[in-house]
Amino acid sequence: MPNNQSEGMLEDFLLSLIPYAARSFAKKAAEEAIDKKFGNYIPEHKSKAVAHTYLAWQHVPGNPLEAAIRVKSFEVKEQNVFVEWLKAFFGAVAA
């Protein structure tokens, strides 16, 4: 995990930065998509499905993760060293 404390992927970390109600709603939508055979993601990628479901509802739907971070689709309530690193890294990549 990017924070070197929790297990998971980048999406798991980013999901921890959005409001609980939004995360819960996106999770329910992703699960229902599987139940109704509208989706076919593998269980290991559930957090990716949830994160991108949430991103589909933002001002620019479907932004890639780096763009979503730049436009503040994820809430950061405090200074976060990892988030600052992400901004610097993706800014360098985009340049």
PDB file of N, CA and C in Angstrom:
ATOM      1  N   MET A   1       0.841  -1.177   0.000  1.00  0.00           N
ATOM      2  CA  MET A   1       0.000   0.000   0.000  1.00  0.00           C
ATOM      3  C   MET A   1       0.886   1.240   0.000  1.00  0.00           C
ATOM      4  N   PRO A   2       0.463   2.258  -0.688  1.00  0.00           N
ATOM      5  CA  PRO A   2       1.290   3.468  -0.783  1.00  0.00           C
ATOM      6  C   PRO A   2       1.644   4.122   0.542  1.00  0.00           C
ATOM      7  N   ASN A   3       0.821   3.979   1.555  1.00  0.00           N
ATOM      8  CA  ASN A   3       1.142   4.626   2.831  1.00  0.00           C
ATOM      9  C   ASN A   3       2.070   3.770   3.701  1.00  0.00           C
ATOM     10  N   ASN A   4       2.497   2.623   3.185  1.00  0.00           N
ATOM     11  CA  ASN A   4       3.391   1.702   3.887  1.00  0.00           C
ATOM     12  C   ASN A   4       2.834   1.222   5.220  1.00  0.00           C
ATOM     13  N   GLN A   5       1.533   1.298   5.393  1.00  0.00           N
ATOM     14  CA  GLN A   5       0.917   0.855   6.639  1.00  0.00           C
ATOM     15  C   GLN A   5      -0.210  -0.137   6.385  1.00  0.00           C
ATOM     16  N   SER A   6      -0.974   0.059   5.340  1.00  0.00           N
ATOM     17  CA  SER A   6      -2.127  -0.785   5.050  1.00  0.00           C
ATOM     18  C   SER A   6      -1.853  -1.646   3.824  1.00  0.00           C
ATOM     19  N   GLU A   7      -2.610  -2.713   3.697  1.00  0.00           N
ATOM     20  CA  GLU A   7      -2.487  -3.555   2.510  1.00  0.00           C
ATOM     21  C   GLU A   7      -3.414  -3.026   1.430  1.00  0.00           C
ATOM     22  N   GLY A   8      -3.084  -3.326   0.180  1.00  0.00           N
ATOM     23  CA  GLY A   8      -3.964  -2.958  -0.915  1.00  0.00           C
ATOM     24  C   GLY A   8      -3.247  -2.233  -2.026  1.00  0.00           C
ATOM     25  N   MET A   9      -4.055  -1.702  -2.937  1.00  0.00           N
ATOM     26  CA  MET A   9      -3.557  -0.993  -4.117  1.00  0.00           C
ATOM     27  C   MET A   9      -3.735   0.508  -3.924  1.00  0.00           C
ATOM     28  N   LEU A  10      -3.249   1.255  -4.896  1.00  0.00           N
ATOM     29  CA  LEU A  10      -3.399   2.710  -4.865  1.00  0.00           C
ATOM     30  C   LEU A  10      -4.863   3.092  -4.694  1.00  0.00           C
ATOM     31  N   GLU A  11      -5.750   2.396  -5.386  1.00  0.00           N
ATOM     32  CA  GLU A  11      -7.186   2.708  -5.294  1.00  0.00           C
ATOM     33  C   GLU A  11      -7.709   2.547  -3.868  1.00  0.00           C
ATOM     34  N   ASP A  12      -7.216   1.549  -3.138  1.00  0.00           N
ATOM     35  CA  ASP A  12      -7.640   1.381  -1.740  1.00  0.00           C
ATOM     36  C   ASP A  12      -7.268   2.606  -0.918  1.00  0.00           C
ATOM     37  N   PHE A  13      -6.067   3.098  -1.119  1.00  0.00           N
ATOM     38  CA  PHE A  13      -5.622   4.296  -0.410  1.00  0.00           C
ATOM     39  C   PHE A  13      -6.478   5.498  -0.794  1.00  0.00           C
ATOM     40  N   LEU A  14      -6.698   5.695  -2.092  1.00  0.00           N
ATOM     41  CA  LEU A  14      -7.475   6.852  -2.550  1.00  0.00           C
ATOM     42  C   LEU A  14      -8.919   6.782  -2.063  1.00  0.00           C
ATOM     43  N   LEU A  15      -9.476   5.583  -1.998  1.00  0.00           N
ATOM     44  CA  LEU A  15     -10.843   5.448  -1.484  1.00  0.00           C
ATOM     45  C   LEU A  15     -10.942   5.894  -0.033  1.00  0.00           C
ATOM     46  N   SER A  16      -9.846   5.786   0.701  1.00  0.00           N
ATOM     47  CA  SER A  16      -9.869   6.233   2.096  1.00  0.00           C
ATOM     48  C   SER A  16      -9.931   7.754   2.185  1.00  0.00           C
ATOM     49  N   LEU A  17      -9.724   8.445   1.069  1.00  0.00           N
ATOM     50  CA  LEU A  17      -9.728   9.912   1.056  1.00  0.00           C
ATOM     51  C   LEU A  17     -11.056  10.513   0.621  1.00  0.00           C
ATOM     52  N   ILE A  18     -12.050   9.681   0.298  1.00  0.00           N
ATOM     53  CA  ILE A  18     -13.348  10.228  -0.103  1.00  0.00           C
ATOM     54  C   ILE A  18     -14.339  10.043   1.038  1.00  0.00           C
ATOM     55  N   PRO A  19     -15.398  10.825   1.045  1.00  0.00           N
ATOM     56  CA  PRO A  19     -16.376  10.706   2.122  1.00  0.00           C
ATOM     57  C   PRO A  19     -16.933   9.281   2.211  1.00  0.00           C
ATOM     58  N   TYR A  20     -17.133   8.840   3.445  1.00  0.00           N
ATOM     59  CA  TYR A  20     -17.608   7.474   3.678  1.00  0.00           C
ATOM     60  C   TYR A  20     -18.892   7.177   2.912  1.00  0.00           C
ATOM     61  N   ALA A  21     -19.840   8.093   2.923  1.00  0.00           N
ATOM     62  CA  ALA A  21     -21.130   7.852   2.255  1.00  0.00           C
ATOM     63  C   ALA A  21     -20.932   7.645   0.750  1.00  0.00           C
ATOM     64  N   ALA A  22     -20.055   8.433   0.142  1.00  0.00           N
ATOM     65  CA  ALA A  22     -19.787   8.280  -1.295  1.00  0.00           C
ATOM     66  C   ALA A  22     -19.100   6.952  -1.577  1.00  0.00           C
ATOM     67  N   ARG A  23     -18.136   6.587  -0.729  1.00  0.00           N
ATOM     68  CA  ARG A  23     -17.428   5.316  -0.890  1.00  0.00           C
ATOM     69  C   ARG A  23     -18.395   4.147  -0.747  1.00  0.00           C
ATOM     70  N   SER A  24     -19.260   4.221   0.232  1.00  0.00           N
ATOM     71  CA  SER A  24     -20.239   3.157   0.474  1.00  0.00           C
ATOM     72  C   SER A  24     -21.204   3.015  -0.709  1.00  0.00           C
ATOM     73  N   PHE A  25     -21.664   4.141  -1.230  1.00  0.00           N
ATOM     74  CA  PHE A  25     -22.592   4.138  -2.372  1.00  0.00           C
ATOM     75  C   PHE A  25     -21.909   3.577  -3.621  1.00  0.00           C
ATOM     76  N   ALA A  26     -20.672   3.972  -3.871  1.00  0.00           N
ATOM     77  CA  ALA A  26     -19.926   3.465  -5.032  1.00  0.00           C
ATOM     78  C   ALA A  26     -19.683   1.965  -4.897  1.00  0.00           C
ATOM     79  N   LYS A  27     -19.379   1.516  -3.681  1.00  0.00           N
ATOM     80  CA  LYS A  27     -19.167   0.081  -3.435  1.00  0.00           C
ATOM     81  C   LYS A  27     -20.440  -0.699  -3.719  1.00  0.00           C
ATOM     82  N   LYS A  28     -21.563  -0.181  -3.238  1.00  0.00           N
ATOM     83  CA  LYS A  28     -22.845  -0.852  -3.466  1.00  0.00           C
ATOM     84  C   LYS A  28     -23.148  -0.921  -4.967  1.00  0.00           C
ATOM     85  N   ALA A  29     -22.881   0.161  -5.697  1.00  0.00           N
ATOM     86  CA  ALA A  29     -23.132   0.183  -7.147  1.00  0.00           C
ATOM     87  C   ALA A  29     -22.245  -0.827  -7.869  1.00  0.00           C
ATOM     88  N   ALA A  30     -20.971  -0.902  -7.488  1.00  0.00           N
ATOM     89  CA  ALA A  30     -20.052  -1.853  -8.124  1.00  0.00           C
ATOM     90  C   ALA A  30     -20.473  -3.294  -7.831  1.00  0.00           C
ATOM     91  N   GLU A  31     -20.892  -3.554  -6.605  1.00  0.00           N
ATOM     92  CA  GLU A  31     -21.354  -4.899  -6.239  1.00  0.00           C
ATOM     93  C   GLU A  31     -22.633  -5.262  -6.984  1.00  0.00           C
ATOM     94  N   GLU A  32     -23.546  -4.302  -7.105  1.00  0.00           N
ATOM     95  CA  GLU A  32     -24.794  -4.559  -7.812  1.00  0.00           C
ATOM     96  C   GLU A  32     -24.549  -4.811  -9.298  1.00  0.00           C
ATOM     97  N   ALA A  33     -23.558  -4.150  -9.866  1.00  0.00           N
ATOM     98  CA  ALA A  33     -23.210  -4.391 -11.274  1.00  0.00           C
ATOM     99  C   ALA A  33     -22.800  -5.844 -11.477  1.00  0.00           C
ATOM    100  N   ILE A  34     -22.074  -6.396 -10.536  1.00  0.00           N
ATOM    101  CA  ILE A  34     -21.690  -7.817 -10.619  1.00  0.00           C
ATOM    102  C   ILE A  34     -22.915  -8.696 -10.445  1.00  0.00           C
ATOM    103  N   ASP A  35     -23.734  -8.387  -9.431  1.00  0.00           N
ATOM    104  CA  ASP A  35     -24.935  -9.192  -9.163  1.00  0.00           C
ATOM    105  C   ASP A  35     -25.867  -9.251 -10.367  1.00  0.00           C
ATOM    106  N   LYS A  36     -25.990  -8.140 -11.075  1.00  0.00           N
ATOM    107  CA  LYS A  36     -26.908  -8.084 -12.219  1.00  0.00           C
ATOM    108  C   LYS A  36     -26.223  -8.413 -13.542  1.00  0.00           C
ATOM    109  N   LYS A  37     -24.972  -8.868 -13.453  1.00  0.00           N
ATOM    110  CA  LYS A  37     -24.204  -9.267 -14.645  1.00  0.00           C
ATOM    111  C   LYS A  37     -23.928  -8.098 -15.586  1.00  0.00           C
ATOM    112  N   PHE A  38     -23.854  -6.878 -15.033  1.00  0.00           N
ATOM    113  CA  PHE A  38     -23.481  -5.708 -15.826  1.00  0.00           C
ATOM    114  C   PHE A  38     -21.967  -5.506 -15.810  1.00  0.00           C
ATOM    115  N   GLY A  39     -21.297  -6.155 -14.902  1.00  0.00           N
ATOM    116  CA  GLY A  39     -19.857  -6.021 -14.763  1.00  0.00           C
ATOM    117  C   GLY A  39     -19.215  -7.381 -14.615  1.00  0.00           C
ATOM    118  N   ASN A  40     -17.909  -7.429 -14.831  1.00  0.00           N
ATOM    119  CA  ASN A  40     -17.223  -8.715 -14.694  1.00  0.00           C
ATOM    120  C   ASN A  40     -15.804  -8.552 -14.138  1.00  0.00           C
ATOM    121  N   TYR A  41     -15.602  -7.534 -13.291  1.00  0.00           N
ATOM    122  CA  TYR A  41     -14.279  -7.370 -12.704  1.00  0.00           C
ATOM    123  C   TYR A  41     -13.992  -8.528 -11.750  1.00  0.00           C
ATOM    124  N   ILE A  42     -12.703  -8.841 -11.587  1.00  0.00           N
ATOM    125  CA  ILE A  42     -12.321  -9.914 -10.672  1.00  0.00           C
ATOM    126  C   ILE A  42     -12.330  -9.371  -9.241  1.00  0.00           C
ATOM    127  N   PRO A  43     -12.582 -10.239  -8.265  1.00  0.00           N
ATOM    128  CA  PRO A  43     -12.671  -9.767  -6.874  1.00  0.00           C
ATOM    129  C   PRO A  43     -11.455  -8.957  -6.416  1.00  0.00           C
ATOM    130  N   GLU A  44     -10.271  -9.316  -6.887  1.00  0.00           N
ATOM    131  CA  GLU A  44      -9.067  -8.589  -6.494  1.00  0.00           C
ATOM    132  C   GLU A  44      -9.072  -7.149  -6.999  1.00  0.00           C
ATOM    133  N   HIS A  45      -9.899  -6.838  -7.975  1.00  0.00           N
ATOM    134  CA  HIS A  45      -9.965  -5.482  -8.533  1.00  0.00           C
ATOM    135  C   HIS A  45     -11.211  -4.720  -8.107  1.00  0.00           C
ATOM    136  N   LYS A  46     -11.857  -5.184  -7.060  1.00  0.00           N
ATOM    137  CA  LYS A  46     -13.070  -4.510  -6.588  1.00  0.00           C
ATOM    138  C   LYS A  46     -12.794  -3.054  -6.217  1.00  0.00           C
ATOM    139  N   SER A  47     -11.687  -2.778  -5.547  1.00  0.00           N
ATOM    140  CA  SER A  47     -11.393  -1.395  -5.164  1.00  0.00           C
ATOM    141  C   SER A  47     -11.184  -0.514  -6.392  1.00  0.00           C
ATOM    142  N   LYS A  48     -10.633  -1.071  -7.477  1.00  0.00           N
ATOM    143  CA  LYS A  48     -10.496  -0.317  -8.723  1.00  0.00           C
ATOM    144  C   LYS A  48     -11.879   0.017  -9.269  1.00  0.00           C
ATOM    145  N   ALA A  49     -12.792  -0.951  -9.251  1.00  0.00           N
ATOM    146  CA  ALA A  49     -14.157  -0.727  -9.744  1.00  0.00           C
ATOM    147  C   ALA A  49     -14.857   0.338  -8.905  1.00  0.00           C
ATOM    148  N   VAL A  50     -14.686   0.272  -7.596  1.00  0.00           N
ATOM    149  CA  VAL A  50     -15.324   1.243  -6.700  1.00  0.00           C
ATOM    150  C   VAL A  50     -14.749   2.641  -6.933  1.00  0.00           C
ATOM    151  N   ALA A  51     -13.430   2.748  -7.018  1.00  0.00           N
ATOM    152  CA  ALA A  51     -12.792   4.055  -7.219  1.00  0.00           C
ATOM    153  C   ALA A  51     -13.232   4.679  -8.539  1.00  0.00           C
ATOM    154  N   HIS A  52     -13.270   3.890  -9.587  1.00  0.00           N
ATOM    155  CA  HIS A  52     -13.638   4.439 -10.888  1.00  0.00           C
ATOM    156  C   HIS A  52     -15.146   4.690 -10.998  1.00  0.00           C
ATOM    157  N   THR A  53     -15.937   3.959 -10.224  1.00  0.00           N
ATOM    158  CA  THR A  53     -17.372   4.269 -10.142  1.00  0.00           C
ATOM    159  C   THR A  53     -17.535   5.657  -9.520  1.00  0.00           C
ATOM    160  N   TYR A  54     -16.826   5.897  -8.428  1.00  0.00           N
ATOM    161  CA  TYR A  54     -16.861   7.216  -7.777  1.00  0.00           C
ATOM    162  C   TYR A  54     -16.389   8.306  -8.749  1.00  0.00           C
ATOM    163  N   LEU A  55     -15.310   8.050  -9.463  1.00  0.00           N
ATOM    164  CA  LEU A  55     -14.780   9.055 -10.394  1.00  0.00           C
ATOM    165  C   LEU A  55     -15.741   9.345 -11.541  1.00  0.00           C
ATOM    166  N   ALA A  56     -16.591   8.390 -11.881  1.00  0.00           N
ATOM    167  CA  ALA A  56     -17.573   8.603 -12.949  1.00  0.00           C
ATOM    168  C   ALA A  56     -18.596   9.670 -12.570  1.00  0.00           C
ATOM    169  N   TRP A  57     -18.720   9.957 -11.288  1.00  0.00           N
ATOM    170  CA  TRP A  57     -19.710  10.933 -10.816  1.00  0.00           C
ATOM    171  C   TRP A  57     -19.128  12.331 -10.640  1.00  0.00           C
ATOM    172  N   GLN A  58     -17.854  12.522 -10.925  1.00  0.00           N
ATOM    173  CA  GLN A  58     -17.205  13.799 -10.671  1.00  0.00           C
ATOM    174  C   GLN A  58     -17.400  14.769 -11.834  1.00  0.00           C
ATOM    175  N   HIS A  59     -16.958  15.990 -11.625  1.00  0.00           N
ATOM    176  CA  HIS A  59     -17.133  17.061 -12.613  1.00  0.00           C
ATOM    177  C   HIS A  59     -16.659  16.644 -14.006  1.00  0.00           C
ATOM    178  N   VAL A  60     -15.516  16.005 -14.065  1.00  0.00           N
ATOM    179  CA  VAL A  60     -15.033  15.418 -15.326  1.00  0.00           C
ATOM    180  C   VAL A  60     -15.118  13.911 -15.138  1.00  0.00           C
ATOM    181  N   PRO A  61     -16.206  13.290 -15.594  1.00  0.00           N
ATOM    182  CA  PRO A  61     -16.391  11.857 -15.359  1.00  0.00           C
ATOM    183  C   PRO A  61     -15.268  11.027 -15.956  1.00  0.00           C
ATOM    184  N   GLY A  62     -14.817  10.045 -15.180  1.00  0.00           N
ATOM    185  CA  GLY A  62     -13.849   9.088 -15.679  1.00  0.00           C
ATOM    186  C   GLY A  62     -12.419   9.576 -15.756  1.00  0.00           C
ATOM    187  N   ASN A  63     -12.095  10.660 -15.061  1.00  0.00           N
ATOM    188  CA  ASN A  63     -10.702  11.117 -15.039  1.00  0.00           C
ATOM    189  C   ASN A  63      -9.792   9.971 -14.606  1.00  0.00           C
ATOM    190  N   PRO A  64      -8.616   9.826 -15.228  1.00  0.00           N
ATOM    191  CA  PRO A  64      -7.647   8.862 -14.701  1.00  0.00           C
ATOM    192  C   PRO A  64      -7.222   9.290 -13.293  1.00  0.00           C
ATOM    193  N   LEU A  65      -6.654   8.376 -12.547  1.00  0.00           N
ATOM    194  CA  LEU A  65      -6.311   8.670 -11.153  1.00  0.00           C
ATOM    195  C   LEU A  65      -5.451   9.911 -10.997  1.00  0.00           C
ATOM    196  N   GLU A  66      -4.404  10.042 -11.818  1.00  0.00           N
ATOM    197  CA  GLU A  66      -3.516  11.197 -11.642  1.00  0.00           C
ATOM    198  C   GLU A  66      -4.247  12.519 -11.885  1.00  0.00           C
ATOM    199  N   ALA A  67      -5.144  12.550 -12.867  1.00  0.00           N
ATOM    200  CA  ALA A  67      -5.915  13.768 -13.125  1.00  0.00           C
ATOM    201  C   ALA A  67      -6.916  14.013 -11.993  1.00  0.00           C
ATOM    202  N   ALA A  68      -7.515  12.952 -11.484  1.00  0.00           N
ATOM    203  CA  ALA A  68      -8.465  13.084 -10.381  1.00  0.00           C
ATOM    204  C   ALA A  68      -7.785  13.634  -9.134  1.00  0.00           C
ATOM    205  N   ILE A  69      -6.541  13.230  -8.918  1.00  0.00           N
ATOM    206  CA  ILE A  69      -5.782  13.756  -7.782  1.00  0.00           C
ATOM    207  C   ILE A  69      -5.520  15.244  -7.984  1.00  0.00           C
ATOM    208  N   ARG A  70      -5.122  15.609  -9.199  1.00  0.00           N
ATOM    209  CA  ARG A  70      -4.814  17.013  -9.497  1.00  0.00           C
ATOM    210  C   ARG A  70      -6.023  17.920  -9.329  1.00  0.00           C
ATOM    211  N   VAL A  71      -7.216  17.461  -9.730  1.00  0.00           N
ATOM    212  CA  VAL A  71      -8.404  18.316  -9.633  1.00  0.00           C
ATOM    213  C   VAL A  71      -9.133  18.136  -8.300  1.00  0.00           C
ATOM    214  N   LYS A  72      -8.498  17.424  -7.384  1.00  0.00           N
ATOM    215  CA  LYS A  72      -8.982  17.268  -6.007  1.00  0.00           C
ATOM    216  C   LYS A  72     -10.306  16.518  -5.902  1.00  0.00           C
ATOM    217  N   SER A  73     -10.441  15.448  -6.699  1.00  0.00           N
ATOM    218  CA  SER A  73     -11.612  14.582  -6.564  1.00  0.00           C
ATOM    219  C   SER A  73     -11.548  13.773  -5.274  1.00  0.00           C
ATOM    220  N   PHE A  74     -10.358  13.657  -4.719  1.00  0.00           N
ATOM    221  CA  PHE A  74     -10.180  12.953  -3.452  1.00  0.00           C
ATOM    222  C   PHE A  74      -9.887  13.997  -2.391  1.00  0.00           C
ATOM    223  N   GLU A  75     -10.535  13.885  -1.233  1.00  0.00           N
ATOM    224  CA  GLU A  75     -10.377  14.862  -0.165  1.00  0.00           C
ATOM    225  C   GLU A  75      -9.179  14.505   0.699  1.00  0.00           C
ATOM    226  N   VAL A  76      -8.339  15.471   0.923  1.00  0.00           N
ATOM    227  CA  VAL A  76      -7.209  15.279   1.834  1.00  0.00           C
ATOM    228  C   VAL A  76      -7.403  16.274   2.958  1.00  0.00           C
ATOM    229  N   LYS A  77      -7.655  15.764   4.143  1.00  0.00           N
ATOM    230  CA  LYS A  77      -7.976  16.626   5.273  1.00  0.00           C
ATOM    231  C   LYS A  77      -6.744  17.176   5.973  1.00  0.00           C
ATOM    232  N   GLU A  78      -5.586  16.596   5.706  1.00  0.00           N
ATOM    233  CA  GLU A  78      -4.362  17.034   6.364  1.00  0.00           C
ATOM    234  C   GLU A  78      -3.214  16.918   5.381  1.00  0.00           C
ATOM    235  N   GLN A  79      -2.092  17.530   5.707  1.00  0.00           N
ATOM    236  CA  GLN A  79      -0.920  17.380   4.863  1.00  0.00           C
ATOM    237  C   GLN A  79      -0.564  15.902   4.832  1.00  0.00           C
ATOM    238  N   ASN A  80      -0.373  15.395   3.675  1.00  0.00           N
ATOM    239  CA  ASN A  80      -0.090  13.983   3.510  1.00  0.00           C
ATOM    240  C   ASN A  80       1.138  13.859   2.616  1.00  0.00           C
ATOM    241  N   VAL A  81       2.215  13.318   3.148  1.00  0.00           N
ATOM    242  CA  VAL A  81       3.471  13.216   2.417  1.00  0.00           C
ATOM    243  C   VAL A  81       3.285  12.425   1.136  1.00  0.00           C
ATOM    244  N   PHE A  82       2.510  11.337   1.204  1.00  0.00           N
ATOM    245  CA  PHE A  82       2.317  10.521   0.013  1.00  0.00           C
ATOM    246  C   PHE A  82       1.540  11.279  -1.060  1.00  0.00           C
ATOM    247  N   VAL A  83       0.506  12.000  -0.675  1.00  0.00           N
ATOM    248  CA  VAL A  83      -0.271  12.762  -1.651  1.00  0.00           C
ATOM    249  C   VAL A  83       0.610  13.831  -2.298  1.00  0.00           C
ATOM    250  N   GLU A  84       1.453  14.475  -1.511  1.00  0.00           N
ATOM    251  CA  GLU A  84       2.375  15.467  -2.078  1.00  0.00           C
ATOM    252  C   GLU A  84       3.340  14.808  -3.058  1.00  0.00           C
ATOM    253  N   TRP A  85       3.819  13.608  -2.728  1.00  0.00           N
ATOM    254  CA  TRP A  85       4.698  12.872  -3.644  1.00  0.00           C
ATOM    255  C   TRP A  85       3.962  12.541  -4.941  1.00  0.00           C
ATOM    256  N   LEU A  86       2.706  12.080  -4.824  1.00  0.00           N
ATOM    257  CA  LEU A  86       1.909  11.764  -6.021  1.00  0.00           C
ATOM    258  C   LEU A  86       1.776  12.985  -6.927  1.00  0.00           C
ATOM    259  N   LYS A  87       1.462  14.125  -6.331  1.00  0.00           N
ATOM    260  CA  LYS A  87       1.314  15.354  -7.124  1.00  0.00           C
ATOM    261  C   LYS A  87       2.619  15.682  -7.843  1.00  0.00           C
ATOM    262  N   ALA A  88       3.724  15.585  -7.119  1.00  0.00           N
ATOM    263  CA  ALA A  88       5.022  15.891  -7.731  1.00  0.00           C
ATOM    264  C   ALA A  88       5.362  14.882  -8.824  1.00  0.00           C
ATOM    265  N   PHE A  89       5.099  13.612  -8.563  1.00  0.00           N
ATOM    266  CA  PHE A  89       5.429  12.574  -9.535  1.00  0.00           C
ATOM    267  C   PHE A  89       4.594  12.722 -10.791  1.00  0.00           C
ATOM    268  N   PHE A  90       3.277  12.818 -10.642  1.00  0.00           N
ATOM    269  CA  PHE A  90       2.413  12.905 -11.816  1.00  0.00           C
ATOM    270  C   PHE A  90       2.591  14.236 -12.533  1.00  0.00           C
ATOM    271  N   GLY A  91       2.949  15.264 -11.776  1.00  0.00           N
ATOM    272  CA  GLY A  91       3.263  16.541 -12.425  1.00  0.00           C
ATOM    273  C   GLY A  91       4.504  16.425 -13.291  1.00  0.00           C
ATOM    274  N   ALA A  92       5.496  15.679 -12.805  1.00  0.00           N
ATOM    275  CA  ALA A  92       6.736  15.468 -13.572  1.00  0.00           C
ATOM    276  C   ALA A  92       6.469  14.606 -14.786  1.00  0.00           C
ATOM    277  N   VAL A  93       5.607  13.616 -14.650  1.00  0.00           N
ATOM    278  CA  VAL A  93       5.273  12.731 -15.761  1.00  0.00           C
ATOM    279  C   VAL A  93       4.524  13.490 -16.848  1.00  0.00           C
ATOM    280  N   ALA A  94       3.623  14.383 -16.428  1.00  0.00           N
ATOM    281  CA  ALA A  94       2.807  15.134 -17.394  1.00  0.00           C
ATOM    282  C   ALA A  94       3.621  16.202 -18.123  1.00  0.00           C
ATOM    283  N   ALA A  95       4.703  16.661 -17.517  1.00  0.00           N
ATOM    284  CA  ALA A  95       5.505  17.731 -18.111  1.00  0.00           C
ATOM    285  C   ALA A  95       6.313  17.258 -19.300  1.00  0.00           C
TER     286      ALA A  95
END
